[in-house]
Amino acid sequence: MTESKRKANPDRVAFLRSLPIEVKQEISREESDAFMFEEEIPESLYEKIKDYITEE
């Protein structure tokens, strides 16, 4: 699927936007794309955001 046809998950986009600025600055483009487009989340990203997520 081309990038122009992919749809980001709005809840995940909102979550990333809600993070503190110092956390957002540590997240790479590849990590944020994987998260927003519901791909497998890299372990490096999980380590950066784990304190801000709630397990269901």
Protein backbone atom coordinates (compact mmCIF):
# COMPACT_ATOMS: atom_id res chain seq x y z
CA MET A 1 0.00 0.00 0.00
CA THR A 2 1.36 3.39 -0.86
CA GLU A 3 1.85 5.96 1.87
CA SER A 4 -0.77 8.26 0.37
CA LYS A 5 -3.47 5.60 0.84
CA ARG A 6 -2.54 4.61 4.39
CA LYS A 7 -4.69 6.04 7.15
CA ALA A 8 -3.18 6.92 10.50
CA ASN A 9 -5.11 5.82 13.57
CA PRO A 10 -6.53 9.09 15.00
CA ASP A 11 -6.34 7.82 18.59
CA ARG A 12 -2.67 7.00 18.19
CA VAL A 13 -1.96 10.37 16.58
CA ALA A 14 -3.69 12.10 19.51
CA PHE A 15 -1.67 10.01 21.96
CA LEU A 16 1.63 11.00 20.37
CA ARG A 17 0.59 14.65 20.38
CA SER A 18 -0.26 14.45 24.08
CA LEU A 19 3.23 13.28 25.08
CA PRO A 20 5.59 15.71 26.83
CA ILE A 21 7.82 17.60 24.41
CA GLU A 22 10.99 15.96 25.74
CA VAL A 23 9.57 12.52 24.94
CA LYS A 24 8.38 13.58 21.46
CA GLN A 25 11.86 14.87 20.65
CA GLU A 26 13.31 11.40 21.30
CA ILE A 27 10.91 9.59 18.94
CA SER A 28 12.17 8.99 15.41
CA ARG A 29 10.07 9.40 12.27
CA GLU A 30 10.18 5.64 11.69
CA GLU A 31 8.98 4.92 15.23
CA SER A 32 6.10 7.39 15.05
CA ASP A 33 5.02 6.12 11.62
CA ALA A 34 4.99 2.52 12.83
CA PHE A 35 2.87 3.52 15.82
CA MET A 36 0.41 5.75 13.94
CA PHE A 37 -0.12 3.26 11.10
CA GLU A 38 -0.52 0.32 13.49
CA GLU A 39 2.52 -1.59 12.37
CA GLU A 40 4.63 -3.55 14.81
CA ILE A 41 5.84 -1.10 17.45
CA PRO A 42 9.64 -1.04 17.71
CA GLU A 43 11.00 -1.96 21.14
CA SER A 44 12.88 1.35 21.17
CA LEU A 45 9.59 3.26 20.91
CA TYR A 46 7.91 1.15 23.55
CA GLU A 47 10.72 1.97 25.98
CA LYS A 48 10.20 5.70 25.34
CA ILE A 49 6.41 5.70 25.83
CA LYS A 50 5.78 2.84 28.27
CA ASP A 51 5.25 5.22 31.21
CA TYR A 52 2.44 6.95 29.33
CA ILE A 53 0.44 3.97 28.05
CA THR A 54 -2.14 1.89 29.87
CA GLU A 55 -2.40 -1.81 29.23
CA GLU A 56 -5.88 -3.07 28.42
